[in-house]
């Protein structure tokens, strides 16, 4: 070899060849197919980039089950919370332009937080909370997902309410204590982005990110109908039902949290340039790369909020080092890392991993990046299956790429996760039956009826009599309803049945703390001089949380 550069290039090419050989081994496709089979995935696309090249692409199942159309590299998928990193990247571009700083107080950007009289449960929103706090989700806020969607793919609040809802959420952790996953943080970030750009999030991201990379299938707006995947959810018997596509879109609430749609080809091109830009900026110590739309990559990928002792949240990305656990923001984690495997055990040296997942009714996705080897893995699916198949597949491919000496059996892990998802409902039904006090009576049903508002009057529940039972409807949307059965005293419950929820387009990931078996406890205060007062509390696995998503316990009921 004539130079050190030639030697490095030869070694890199040889390494890439071995990785390609492992990826294209029939066992790889068989394993991915089996994971899809045991979890109920309808359609899936997967791709890998390494050292600036696309080295692997494959597709499974159908983008349209009825028409038997297969997916391809240009099929457009909903990528859910993978959108968050794109919002953070757009902010980095504005920081580079000097339009905003990471430390800019939210009170300077959000009119609702600029006045001393506006309502907020988080005082820091009016003082020291800044852009980075929002993007790192270190505000201590709960998920609050029940305030924007519950079932039937129906968005429950208008976009104009975003800032008020963020102020309304009851903090569950101390400000800046650690990461607390909250889609409302990115809902607000997306709207701030629009104000700074003076255009929609669709056009902001198009101008700042997608056009410079010549991406044609990626958008926060409405995707083209041609080659757009249909959406599905999986029932307990592994059959699937079609559902409306996820409703998040530019111009509507929560767009910044998960409205992006893209194709495998676009995302591989996007992450290729991101990896190259990050490597260049790390080597140069600069925050920009010539010709790249990506800025401040070291800052975005750096530790901004702890998740646990081994993992952290950056700005739209989770970071860790391998060997270690991943998938901490996937459906598979179920809010805890206790059921996740250690991946890449036995590799020669620790390796950086940054990743994120996406989950919506009718879509699951994952992106895993290994910056030190310029490797990216993208897995997209059109199914909310019994567990997060894209995340298991991404972890499986990490072990193949790193040639881990000790491998996990991801087919078995997927099977166990699917069984646990179903068992969870059975266990909740068992606890409800065990703790129910038999022989108690409710009041006359008419006493529970009425419209119940939260304290800032932007969310309400209507309780009416339907036949011989109570029915509860959210925000006046009749499709978002719950038929209540008497549980004991003033407590009412509704069916804890996964298939029934699935048919209503309901997923736990959207319901945040809700597990599907919830009881509505409505103590009523009666007097001749004022309307009845109600308290909605939903009991889940012995845990009390307010509905929906930590609303205040005192709600005004008006007849």
Protein backbone atom coordinates (compact mmCIF):
# COMPACT_ATOMS: atom_id res chain seq x y z
CA UNK A 1 0.00 0.00 0.00
CA UNK A 2 1.27 3.46 -0.85
CA UNK A 3 -0.12 5.25 2.17
CA UNK A 4 -1.79 4.92 5.54
CA UNK A 5 -5.01 6.13 3.89
CA UNK A 6 -4.94 3.24 1.44
CA UNK A 7 -4.47 0.76 4.28
CA UNK A 8 -7.42 2.21 6.21
CA UNK A 9 -9.57 2.16 3.11
CA UNK A 10 -8.68 -1.48 2.42
CA UNK A 11 -9.52 -2.45 5.99
CA UNK A 12 -12.80 -0.53 5.85
CA UNK A 13 -13.74 -2.21 2.58
CA UNK A 14 -12.91 -5.63 3.99
CA UNK A 15 -14.97 -4.93 7.11
CA UNK A 16 -17.89 -3.75 4.99
CA UNK A 17 -17.70 -6.87 2.88
CA UNK A 18 -17.90 -9.09 5.94
CA UNK A 19 -20.88 -7.10 7.27
CA UNK A 20 -22.66 -7.41 3.91
CA UNK A 21 -21.98 -11.14 3.91
CA UNK A 22 -23.61 -11.50 7.33
CA UNK A 23 -26.57 -9.27 6.42
CA UNK A 24 -27.29 -11.13 3.19
CA UNK A 25 -27.03 -14.55 4.81
CA UNK A 26 -30.42 -16.30 4.41
CA UNK A 27 -30.60 -16.64 8.19
CA UNK A 28 -30.91 -12.86 8.51
CA UNK A 29 -33.98 -12.65 6.31
CA UNK A 30 -35.47 -15.72 7.95
CA UNK A 31 -35.05 -14.23 11.42
CA UNK A 32 -36.62 -10.91 10.42
CA UNK A 33 -39.50 -12.75 8.75
CA UNK A 34 -40.03 -14.81 11.88
CA UNK A 35 -40.08 -11.72 14.13
CA UNK A 36 -42.71 -10.20 11.83
CA UNK A 37 -44.70 -13.44 11.91
CA UNK A 38 -44.78 -13.90 15.70
CA UNK A 39 -45.72 -10.28 16.36
CA UNK A 40 -48.29 -9.77 13.59
CA UNK A 41 -46.54 -7.28 11.30
CA UNK A 42 -48.29 -6.70 7.96
CA UNK A 43 -45.57 -4.77 6.13
CA UNK A 44 -41.98 -3.76 6.91
CA UNK A 45 -38.93 -2.23 5.25
CA UNK A 46 -35.36 -2.33 6.56
CA UNK A 47 -32.11 -0.78 5.39
CA UNK A 48 -28.51 -0.33 6.50
CA UNK A 49 -25.86 2.24 5.62
CA UNK A 50 -22.19 1.77 6.42
CA UNK A 51 -19.25 4.02 5.66
CA UNK A 52 -21.38 6.23 3.44
CA UNK A 53 -22.93 3.45 1.38
CA UNK A 54 -26.27 1.66 1.39
CA UNK A 55 -25.22 -1.95 1.95
CA UNK A 56 -28.51 -3.65 2.69
CA UNK A 57 -32.22 -3.20 1.94
CA UNK A 58 -35.07 -5.66 2.26
CA UNK A 59 -38.85 -5.60 2.42
CA UNK A 60 -41.41 -7.90 4.01
CA UNK A 61 -45.14 -8.46 3.75
CA UNK A 62 -47.49 -5.90 2.24
CA UNK A 63 -47.92 -2.15 2.24
CA UNK A 64 -51.56 -2.88 1.33
CA UNK A 65 -52.78 -6.21 2.68
CA UNK A 66 -55.99 -6.38 0.63
CA UNK A 67 -54.32 -5.58 -2.70
CA UNK A 68 -51.20 -7.59 -1.79
CA UNK A 69 -48.95 -4.71 -2.80
CA UNK A 70 -45.44 -5.18 -1.37
CA UNK A 71 -43.52 -2.26 0.13
CA UNK A 72 -40.38 -0.96 -1.54
CA UNK A 73 -37.66 1.58 -0.79
CA UNK A 74 -39.89 4.47 -1.89
CA UNK A 75 -43.01 3.47 0.05
CA UNK A 76 -44.01 6.25 2.43
CA UNK A 77 -44.36 5.30 6.10
CA UNK A 78 -45.44 7.24 9.17
CA UNK A 79 -42.33 7.45 11.37
CA UNK A 80 -43.90 8.79 14.59
CA UNK A 81 -41.45 10.02 17.21
CA UNK A 82 -38.50 9.69 14.86
CA UNK A 83 -39.86 13.13 13.88
CA UNK A 84 -38.47 14.60 17.11
CA UNK A 85 -34.85 14.46 15.94
CA UNK A 86 -35.86 16.29 12.77
CA UNK A 87 -37.43 19.08 14.82
CA UNK A 88 -34.24 19.30 16.88
CA UNK A 89 -32.17 19.44 13.67
CA UNK A 90 -34.33 22.30 12.38
CA UNK A 91 -33.76 24.17 15.65
CA UNK A 92 -30.00 23.62 15.28
CA UNK A 93 -30.19 25.30 11.88
CA UNK A 94 -31.96 28.31 13.44
CA UNK A 95 -29.37 28.42 16.24
CA UNK A 96 -26.69 28.52 13.55
CA UNK A 97 -28.52 31.39 11.84
CA UNK A 98 -28.73 33.29 15.13
CA UNK A 99 -32.54 33.30 15.23
CA UNK A 100 -32.63 31.52 18.58
CA UNK A 101 -30.30 29.98 21.17
CA UNK A 102 -30.53 26.74 23.09
CA UNK A 103 -30.77 28.88 26.22
CA UNK A 104 -33.49 31.23 24.95
CA UNK A 105 -36.23 31.33 27.64
CA UNK A 106 -39.59 29.96 26.57
CA UNK A 107 -41.20 33.06 28.06
CA UNK A 108 -39.61 35.04 25.21
CA UNK A 109 -41.02 32.69 22.58
CA UNK A 110 -44.45 31.73 23.93
CA UNK A 111 -46.85 34.62 24.69
CA UNK A 112 -48.85 32.46 27.12
CA UNK A 113 -45.82 32.26 29.45
CA UNK A 114 -44.90 35.94 29.30
CA UNK A 115 -47.54 37.21 31.72
CA UNK A 116 -47.63 36.71 35.47
CA UNK A 117 -51.38 36.03 35.43
CA UNK A 118 -51.34 33.07 33.04
CA UNK A 119 -51.99 29.64 34.55
CA UNK A 120 -49.18 27.08 34.86
CA UNK A 121 -48.37 24.24 37.22
CA UNK A 122 -44.69 24.49 36.29
CA UNK A 123 -43.42 27.88 37.52
CA UNK A 124 -40.19 27.48 35.54
CA UNK A 125 -42.15 27.93 32.29
CA UNK A 126 -42.29 31.65 33.13
CA UNK A 127 -38.70 31.91 34.38
CA UNK A 128 -35.79 29.67 33.41
CA UNK A 129 -37.25 26.96 31.15
CA UNK A 130 -35.57 27.24 27.75
CA UNK A 131 -35.47 25.69 24.29
CA UNK A 132 -33.04 22.97 25.34
CA UNK A 133 -35.23 21.99 28.30
CA UNK A 134 -38.10 21.49 25.89
CA UNK A 135 -36.15 19.43 23.34
CA UNK A 136 -34.45 17.33 26.05
CA UNK A 137 -37.85 16.69 27.67
CA UNK A 138 -36.36 17.48 31.08
CA UNK A 139 -39.30 19.56 32.29
CA UNK A 140 -40.57 16.82 34.59
CA UNK A 141 -43.91 16.67 32.76
CA UNK A 142 -46.01 13.50 32.32
CA UNK A 143 -46.96 12.05 28.96
CA UNK A 144 -50.41 13.65 28.92
CA UNK A 145 -51.25 11.62 25.82
CA UNK A 146 -54.88 11.16 26.81
CA UNK A 147 -55.42 14.86 26.24
CA UNK A 148 -54.71 14.68 22.50
CA UNK A 149 -55.75 11.21 21.40
CA UNK A 150 -57.47 8.17 22.91
CA UNK A 151 -59.14 6.13 20.20
CA UNK A 152 -60.51 6.18 16.65
CA UNK A 153 -57.50 8.23 15.46
CA UNK A 154 -59.39 11.33 16.60
CA UNK A 155 -57.32 14.34 17.66
CA UNK A 156 -59.07 15.76 20.70
CA UNK A 157 -57.84 19.34 21.05
CA UNK A 158 -57.04 22.15 18.59
CA UNK A 159 -53.48 23.27 18.04
CA UNK A 160 -54.15 26.63 19.68
CA UNK A 161 -54.40 24.92 23.09
CA UNK A 162 -50.85 23.49 23.08
CA UNK A 163 -49.12 26.08 25.26
CA UNK A 164 -51.96 26.09 27.80
CA UNK A 165 -51.92 22.30 28.06
CA UNK A 166 -48.15 22.24 28.63
CA UNK A 167 -48.72 24.70 31.47
CA UNK A 168 -51.62 22.64 32.74
CA UNK A 169 -49.79 19.30 33.05
CA UNK A 170 -48.89 18.36 36.62
CA UNK A 171 -45.09 17.80 36.90
CA UNK A 172 -44.15 14.30 38.03
CA UNK A 173 -40.43 14.99 38.47
CA UNK A 174 -38.36 17.94 39.57
CA UNK A 175 -37.50 20.41 36.82
CA UNK A 176 -34.28 19.25 35.06
CA UNK A 177 -34.04 16.17 37.30
CA UNK A 178 -34.03 13.71 34.37
CA UNK A 179 -35.78 12.97 31.10
CA UNK A 180 -39.55 12.59 31.41
CA UNK A 181 -41.08 11.58 28.08
CA UNK A 182 -43.75 14.08 27.06
CA UNK A 183 -45.02 14.49 23.52
CA UNK A 184 -46.40 17.90 24.45
CA UNK A 185 -42.83 19.24 24.73
CA UNK A 186 -42.31 18.58 21.03
CA UNK A 187 -45.81 19.74 20.18
CA UNK A 188 -44.83 23.11 21.63
CA UNK A 189 -41.36 22.99 20.06
CA UNK A 190 -42.94 22.49 16.64
CA UNK A 191 -45.14 25.54 17.11
CA UNK A 192 -42.20 27.66 18.29
CA UNK A 193 -40.32 26.53 15.18
CA UNK A 194 -43.20 27.74 13.04
CA UNK A 195 -43.16 31.18 14.71
CA UNK A 196 -39.41 31.52 14.25
CA UNK A 197 -39.62 30.51 10.58
CA UNK A 198 -42.90 32.35 9.95
CA UNK A 199 -44.18 29.28 8.12
CA UNK A 200 -45.69 25.86 8.81
CA UNK A 201 -43.61 23.02 10.21
CA UNK A 202 -44.08 21.32 6.85
CA UNK A 203 -42.33 24.17 5.05
CA UNK A 204 -39.78 24.82 7.83
CA UNK A 205 -38.43 21.29 7.67
CA UNK A 206 -38.68 21.16 3.88
CA UNK A 207 -36.61 24.33 3.47
CA UNK A 208 -34.11 23.65 6.25
CA UNK A 209 -33.59 19.89 5.91
CA UNK A 210 -35.26 18.04 3.07
CA UNK A 211 -34.68 20.28 0.04
CA UNK A 212 -30.91 20.56 0.66
CA UNK A 213 -30.79 16.75 0.62
CA UNK A 214 -33.17 16.43 -2.35
CA UNK A 215 -35.58 14.27 -0.38
CA UNK A 216 -38.86 13.84 -2.24
CA UNK A 217 -40.87 11.53 0.04
CA UNK A 218 -40.28 13.15 3.44
CA UNK A 219 -42.77 15.64 4.83
CA UNK A 220 -44.60 16.81 7.94
CA UNK A 221 -47.55 17.50 5.65
CA UNK A 222 -49.82 15.10 3.80
CA UNK A 223 -47.99 12.32 1.94
CA UNK A 224 -48.70 11.58 -1.67
CA UNK A 225 -51.27 8.82 -2.12
CA UNK A 226 -49.08 6.92 -4.55
CA UNK A 227 -47.02 4.22 -2.80
CA UNK A 228 -48.24 5.27 0.65
CA UNK A 229 -48.52 2.37 3.09
CA UNK A 230 -51.85 1.47 4.65
CA UNK A 231 -52.07 1.21 8.45
CA UNK A 232 -52.91 -1.85 10.57
CA UNK A 233 -53.22 -3.06 14.14
CA UNK A 234 -52.75 -6.63 15.31
CA UNK A 235 -55.28 -8.68 17.26
CA UNK A 236 -54.47 -11.34 19.84
CA UNK A 237 -54.73 -14.15 17.27
CA UNK A 238 -52.11 -12.36 15.08
CA UNK A 239 -54.69 -11.35 12.48
CA UNK A 240 -54.78 -7.66 11.58
CA UNK A 241 -57.37 -4.97 11.04
CA UNK A 242 -56.90 -1.91 8.89
CA UNK A 243 -57.14 1.47 10.59
CA UNK A 244 -57.12 5.05 9.37
CA UNK A 245 -53.60 6.36 8.91
CA UNK A 246 -52.16 8.30 11.88
CA UNK A 247 -53.75 11.77 11.95
CA UNK A 248 -50.75 13.91 12.90
CA UNK A 249 -50.00 16.46 10.22
CA UNK A 250 -48.66 19.97 9.77
CA UNK A 251 -51.28 22.46 10.88
CA UNK A 252 -52.72 20.17 13.55
CA UNK A 253 -51.93 19.58 17.21
CA UNK A 254 -48.82 17.50 18.10
CA UNK A 255 -47.25 17.82 14.64
CA UNK A 256 -43.81 18.46 16.11
CA UNK A 257 -44.00 15.28 18.17
CA UNK A 258 -44.67 12.80 15.40
CA UNK A 259 -46.10 14.04 12.10
CA UNK A 260 -43.21 13.16 9.76
CA UNK A 261 -43.65 10.63 6.97
CA UNK A 262 -40.79 9.26 4.91
CA UNK A 263 -39.48 6.37 2.86
CA UNK A 264 -36.61 4.00 3.46
CA UNK A 265 -34.63 5.53 0.58
CA UNK A 266 -35.05 9.07 1.91
CA UNK A 267 -34.16 8.14 5.47
CA UNK A 268 -31.03 6.25 4.48
CA UNK A 269 -29.92 9.33 2.52
CA UNK A 270 -30.82 11.61 5.45
CA UNK A 271 -28.93 9.61 8.08
CA UNK A 272 -25.94 9.10 5.79
CA UNK A 273 -25.37 12.86 5.62
CA UNK A 274 -26.11 13.23 9.33
CA UNK A 275 -23.47 10.63 10.23
CA UNK A 276 -20.92 12.24 7.90
CA UNK A 277 -21.64 15.69 9.28
CA UNK A 278 -21.36 14.49 12.87
CA UNK A 279 -17.98 12.87 12.17
CA UNK A 280 -16.71 16.01 10.44
CA UNK A 281 -17.84 18.29 13.26
CA UNK A 282 -16.37 16.01 15.92
CA UNK A 283 -13.01 16.01 14.13
CA UNK A 284 -12.98 19.75 13.38
CA UNK A 285 -14.47 20.97 16.63
CA UNK A 286 -16.81 23.15 14.59
CA UNK A 287 -20.61 23.21 14.67
CA UNK A 288 -21.13 23.12 10.90
CA UNK A 289 -20.13 21.11 7.86
CA UNK A 290 -19.84 22.65 4.41
CA UNK A 291 -22.85 21.81 2.26
CA UNK A 292 -24.71 20.03 5.06
CA UNK A 293 -28.05 21.08 6.61
CA UNK A 294 -26.98 19.56 9.95
CA UNK A 295 -25.48 21.79 12.64
CA UNK A 296 -24.45 21.33 16.28
CA UNK A 297 -24.55 17.54 16.00
CA UNK A 298 -22.28 17.02 19.02
CA UNK A 299 -24.65 19.13 21.10
CA UNK A 300 -27.74 17.30 19.83
CA UNK A 301 -26.26 13.85 20.47
CA UNK A 302 -24.73 14.80 23.80
CA UNK A 303 -26.19 13.97 27.24
CA UNK A 304 -28.83 16.60 28.02
CA UNK A 305 -31.03 14.62 30.45
CA UNK A 306 -30.42 11.33 32.24
CA UNK A 307 -32.75 8.40 31.59
CA UNK A 308 -30.95 5.93 33.82
CA UNK A 309 -27.35 5.39 34.88
CA UNK A 310 -26.37 4.10 31.44
CA UNK A 311 -28.56 6.04 29.01
CA UNK A 312 -29.47 9.66 28.40
CA UNK A 313 -31.68 11.78 26.20
CA UNK A 314 -30.05 14.29 23.89
CA UNK A 315 -32.20 16.49 21.69
CA UNK A 316 -34.54 14.09 19.91
CA UNK A 317 -32.15 11.16 20.39
CA UNK A 318 -31.42 8.54 23.06
CA UNK A 319 -27.74 7.90 23.68
CA UNK A 320 -25.87 5.02 25.31
CA UNK A 321 -22.80 2.84 24.91
CA UNK A 322 -22.75 -0.81 23.95
CA UNK A 323 -22.79 -3.39 25.37
CA UNK A 324 -25.95 -2.15 27.01
CA UNK A 325 -29.70 -1.83 26.82
CA UNK A 326 -31.50 0.00 24.05
CA UNK A 327 -35.13 0.57 23.09
CA UNK A 328 -35.80 2.63 26.21
CA UNK A 329 -38.34 4.78 24.34
CA UNK A 330 -39.88 1.87 22.44
CA UNK A 331 -43.14 0.07 23.13
CA UNK A 332 -41.04 -2.91 24.24
CA UNK A 333 -39.74 -1.03 27.28
CA UNK A 334 -43.28 -0.54 28.66
CA UNK A 335 -41.90 2.34 30.72
CA UNK A 336 -39.16 0.21 32.28
CA UNK A 337 -35.79 -1.13 31.20
CA UNK A 338 -36.21 -4.24 33.35
CA UNK A 339 -37.47 -6.41 30.50
CA UNK A 340 -34.91 -5.35 27.88
CA UNK A 341 -31.84 -7.42 26.97
CA UNK A 342 -28.21 -6.37 26.99
CA UNK A 343 -27.16 -6.19 23.35
CA UNK A 344 -23.73 -6.48 21.73
CA UNK A 345 -22.28 -8.48 24.63
CA UNK A 346 -18.64 -9.41 24.17
CA UNK A 347 -17.68 -6.78 21.57
CA UNK A 348 -13.99 -5.76 21.83
CA UNK A 349 -14.57 -2.16 22.92
CA UNK A 350 -17.47 0.08 24.00
CA UNK A 351 -19.37 1.57 21.06
CA UNK A 352 -21.56 4.67 20.95
CA UNK A 353 -25.20 4.16 19.99
CA UNK A 354 -27.79 6.87 19.33
CA UNK A 355 -31.31 5.85 18.43
CA UNK A 356 -35.00 6.63 18.57
CA UNK A 357 -38.28 4.82 18.09
CA UNK A 358 -41.67 5.78 16.74
CA UNK A 359 -45.08 4.42 17.73
CA UNK A 360 -48.59 5.30 16.63
CA UNK A 361 -51.77 3.37 15.92
CA UNK A 362 -50.88 1.83 12.57
CA UNK A 363 -47.13 2.44 12.66
CA UNK A 364 -43.95 1.40 14.48
CA UNK A 365 -40.41 2.42 13.50
CA UNK A 366 -36.82 2.59 14.69
CA UNK A 367 -33.52 4.24 13.72
CA UNK A 368 -30.23 3.07 15.26
CA UNK A 369 -26.96 4.90 14.50
CA UNK A 370 -23.41 3.75 15.33
CA UNK A 371 -21.43 6.95 14.72
CA UNK A 372 -17.98 5.40 15.23
CA UNK A 373 -18.46 3.07 12.27
CA UNK A 374 -20.68 5.41 10.24
CA UNK A 375 -23.47 2.85 10.43
CA UNK A 376 -27.19 3.46 10.34
CA UNK A 377 -30.11 1.05 10.64
CA UNK A 378 -33.67 2.03 9.67
CA UNK A 379 -36.69 -0.20 10.23
CA UNK A 380 -40.19 0.95 9.24
CA UNK A 381 -43.51 -0.85 9.60
CA UNK A 382 -47.16 -0.12 8.93
CA UNK A 383 -48.47 -2.11 11.91
CA UNK A 384 -48.94 -1.55 15.61
CA UNK A 385 -48.23 -5.20 16.37
CA UNK A 386 -48.30 -7.17 19.62
CA UNK A 387 -44.89 -5.71 20.44
CA UNK A 388 -42.35 -3.42 18.82
CA UNK A 389 -40.97 -5.60 16.02
CA UNK A 390 -38.93 -2.78 14.38
CA UNK A 391 -37.05 -2.25 17.62
CA UNK A 392 -36.22 -5.94 18.03
CA UNK A 393 -35.10 -6.08 14.40
CA UNK A 394 -32.89 -3.01 14.79
CA UNK A 395 -31.25 -4.55 17.86
CA UNK A 396 -30.80 -7.84 16.01
CA UNK A 397 -29.06 -6.03 13.13
CA UNK A 398 -26.78 -4.17 15.55
CA UNK A 399 -25.49 -7.50 16.83
CA UNK A 400 -24.97 -8.76 13.27
CA UNK A 401 -23.12 -5.61 12.19
CA UNK A 402 -20.89 -5.54 15.29
CA UNK A 403 -20.44 -9.34 15.02
CA UNK A 404 -21.31 -9.75 18.68
CA UNK A 405 -19.74 -12.88 20.18
CA UNK A 406 -22.79 -13.36 22.41
CA UNK A 407 -26.09 -13.07 20.56
CA UNK A 408 -29.62 -12.65 21.85
CA UNK A 409 -32.46 -14.77 20.46
CA UNK A 410 -34.67 -11.96 19.18
CA UNK A 411 -37.36 -14.28 17.88
CA UNK A 412 -37.84 -15.62 21.41
CA UNK A 413 -37.70 -12.09 22.84
CA UNK A 414 -40.40 -11.01 20.38
CA UNK A 415 -42.55 -14.01 21.30
CA UNK A 416 -42.19 -13.28 25.01
CA UNK A 417 -43.00 -9.59 24.53
CA UNK A 418 -46.12 -10.47 22.52
CA UNK A 419 -47.30 -12.91 25.20
CA UNK A 420 -46.58 -10.35 27.94
CA UNK A 421 -48.60 -7.72 26.10
CA UNK A 422 -51.64 -9.99 26.22
CA UNK A 423 -50.95 -11.22 29.74
CA UNK A 424 -50.83 -7.64 30.96
CA UNK A 425 -54.55 -7.26 30.26
CA UNK A 426 -55.33 -10.57 31.94
CA UNK A 427 -53.38 -9.52 35.02
CA UNK A 428 -55.17 -6.19 35.19
CA UNK A 429 -58.55 -7.94 34.97
CA UNK A 430 -57.46 -10.28 37.76
CA UNK A 431 -56.45 -7.39 40.02
CA UNK A 432 -59.69 -5.55 39.33
CA UNK A 433 -61.72 -8.65 40.17
CA UNK A 434 -59.67 -9.33 43.28
CA UNK A 435 -59.95 -5.80 44.68
CA UNK A 436 -63.59 -5.20 43.84
CA UNK A 437 -65.84 -4.87 46.90
CA UNK A 438 -68.85 -7.06 46.21
CA UNK A 439 -72.33 -6.03 47.28
CA UNK A 440 -72.01 -2.23 47.13
CA UNK A 441 -74.49 -0.05 45.29
CA UNK A 442 -74.12 3.03 43.17
CA UNK A 443 -76.24 6.15 43.38
CA UNK A 444 -78.98 6.74 40.86
CA UNK A 445 -77.20 6.94 37.50
CA UNK A 446 -78.67 10.36 36.81
CA UNK A 447 -76.57 11.72 39.67
CA UNK A 448 -73.36 10.98 37.76
CA UNK A 449 -74.39 12.56 34.50
CA UNK A 450 -73.16 15.91 33.26
CA UNK A 451 -70.29 17.60 31.51
CA UNK A 452 -67.02 17.57 33.43
CA UNK A 453 -64.37 20.18 32.57
CA UNK A 454 -60.76 20.44 33.53
CA UNK A 455 -59.80 23.63 35.38
CA UNK A 456 -58.72 25.55 32.26
CA UNK A 457 -61.89 24.56 30.39
CA UNK A 458 -60.23 23.16 27.29
CA UNK A 459 -61.09 19.51 27.86
CA UNK A 460 -64.36 17.94 28.88
CA UNK A 461 -65.99 14.57 29.42
CA UNK A 462 -69.69 14.01 28.91
CA UNK A 463 -71.27 11.36 31.14
CA UNK A 464 -74.74 10.24 30.02
CA UNK A 465 -77.08 7.30 30.53
CA UNK A 466 -77.06 4.72 27.76
CA UNK A 467 -79.62 1.99 28.35
CA UNK A 468 -79.06 0.80 31.88
CA UNK A 469 -75.43 1.98 32.04
CA UNK A 470 -73.31 5.12 31.96
CA UNK A 471 -71.43 6.19 28.88
CA UNK A 472 -68.50 8.61 28.89
CA UNK A 473 -67.53 10.56 25.77
CA UNK A 474 -64.40 12.70 25.38
CA UNK A 475 -64.62 16.20 23.90
CA UNK A 476 -67.97 15.54 22.27
CA UNK A 477 -66.52 12.98 19.82
CA UNK A 478 -69.01 10.13 19.91
CA UNK A 479 -66.45 7.69 18.52
CA UNK A 480 -64.27 8.28 21.60
CA UNK A 481 -66.54 6.63 24.13
CA UNK A 482 -66.41 4.36 27.14
CA UNK A 483 -69.32 2.22 28.34
CA UNK A 484 -69.05 2.10 32.12
CA UNK A 485 -70.04 -0.73 34.42
CA UNK A 486 -70.51 -0.35 38.14
CA UNK A 487 -67.43 -1.57 40.01
CA UNK A 488 -68.16 -0.63 43.62
CA UNK A 489 -69.54 2.38 45.49
CA UNK A 490 -69.03 5.40 43.18
CA UNK A 491 -66.45 3.61 41.06
CA UNK A 492 -67.12 2.55 37.49
CA UNK A 493 -64.92 0.54 35.11
CA UNK A 494 -64.84 -0.39 31.47
CA UNK A 495 -63.70 -3.51 29.66
CA UNK A 496 -60.05 -4.42 29.85
CA UNK A 497 -59.90 -6.18 26.49
CA UNK A 498 -57.02 -5.60 24.11
CA UNK A 499 -58.85 -6.69 20.97
CA UNK A 500 -61.81 -4.46 21.81
CA UNK A 501 -59.44 -1.53 22.27
CA UNK A 502 -57.61 -2.39 19.08
CA UNK A 503 -60.85 -2.33 17.11
CA UNK A 504 -61.39 1.19 18.46
CA UNK A 505 -57.91 2.15 17.22
CA UNK A 506 -56.63 2.51 20.79
CA UNK A 507 -53.05 1.74 21.84
CA UNK A 508 -51.38 1.96 25.19
CA UNK A 509 -48.57 4.06 23.76
CA UNK A 510 -51.11 6.75 22.98
CA UNK A 511 -52.82 6.47 26.33
CA UNK A 512 -49.63 7.07 28.28
CA UNK A 513 -50.21 5.92 31.85
CA UNK A 514 -53.50 4.25 30.98
CA UNK A 515 -53.47 0.49 30.80
CA UNK A 516 -56.93 -0.11 29.46
CA UNK A 517 -58.50 -1.23 32.73
CA UNK A 518 -59.51 2.02 34.32
CA UNK A 519 -62.09 2.90 36.91
CA UNK A 520 -63.81 6.24 37.14
CA UNK A 521 -64.34 7.35 40.69
CA UNK A 522 -66.80 10.22 40.90
CA UNK A 523 -67.51 11.49 44.41
CA UNK A 524 -70.18 14.16 44.08
CA UNK A 525 -70.82 17.10 46.36
CA UNK A 526 -74.44 18.26 46.35
CA UNK A 527 -75.84 21.52 47.62
CA UNK A 528 -78.76 23.70 46.66
CA UNK A 529 -76.57 26.71 45.90
CA UNK A 530 -74.00 25.32 43.48
CA UNK A 531 -73.67 22.68 40.77
CA UNK A 532 -72.23 19.26 41.65
CA UNK A 533 -68.47 18.97 41.75
CA UNK A 534 -66.76 15.90 40.34
CA UNK A 535 -63.41 14.23 40.76
CA UNK A 536 -62.30 11.90 38.01
CA UNK A 537 -59.69 9.44 39.20
CA UNK A 538 -58.72 6.33 37.25
CA UNK A 539 -57.21 3.44 39.09
CA UNK A 540 -54.67 1.42 37.16
CA UNK A 541 -52.80 -1.51 38.69
CA UNK A 542 -53.22 -0.05 42.17
CA UNK A 543 -52.03 3.35 40.96
CA UNK A 544 -54.15 6.50 40.91
CA UNK A 545 -53.72 8.96 38.07
CA UNK A 546 -56.08 11.66 36.95
CA UNK A 547 -57.88 11.40 33.63
CA UNK A 548 -57.00 12.22 31.02
CA UNK A 549 -53.25 12.37 31.50
CA UNK A 550 -52.95 14.04 34.87
CA UNK A 551 -55.76 16.56 34.75
CA UNK A 552 -56.45 18.25 38.09
CA UNK A 553 -58.54 16.15 40.40
CA UNK A 554 -61.16 18.87 40.83
CA UNK A 555 -63.33 19.25 37.74
CA UNK A 556 -66.40 21.42 37.39
CA UNK A 557 -69.52 19.61 36.27
CA UNK A 558 -72.21 21.62 34.48
CA UNK A 559 -75.65 20.32 33.63
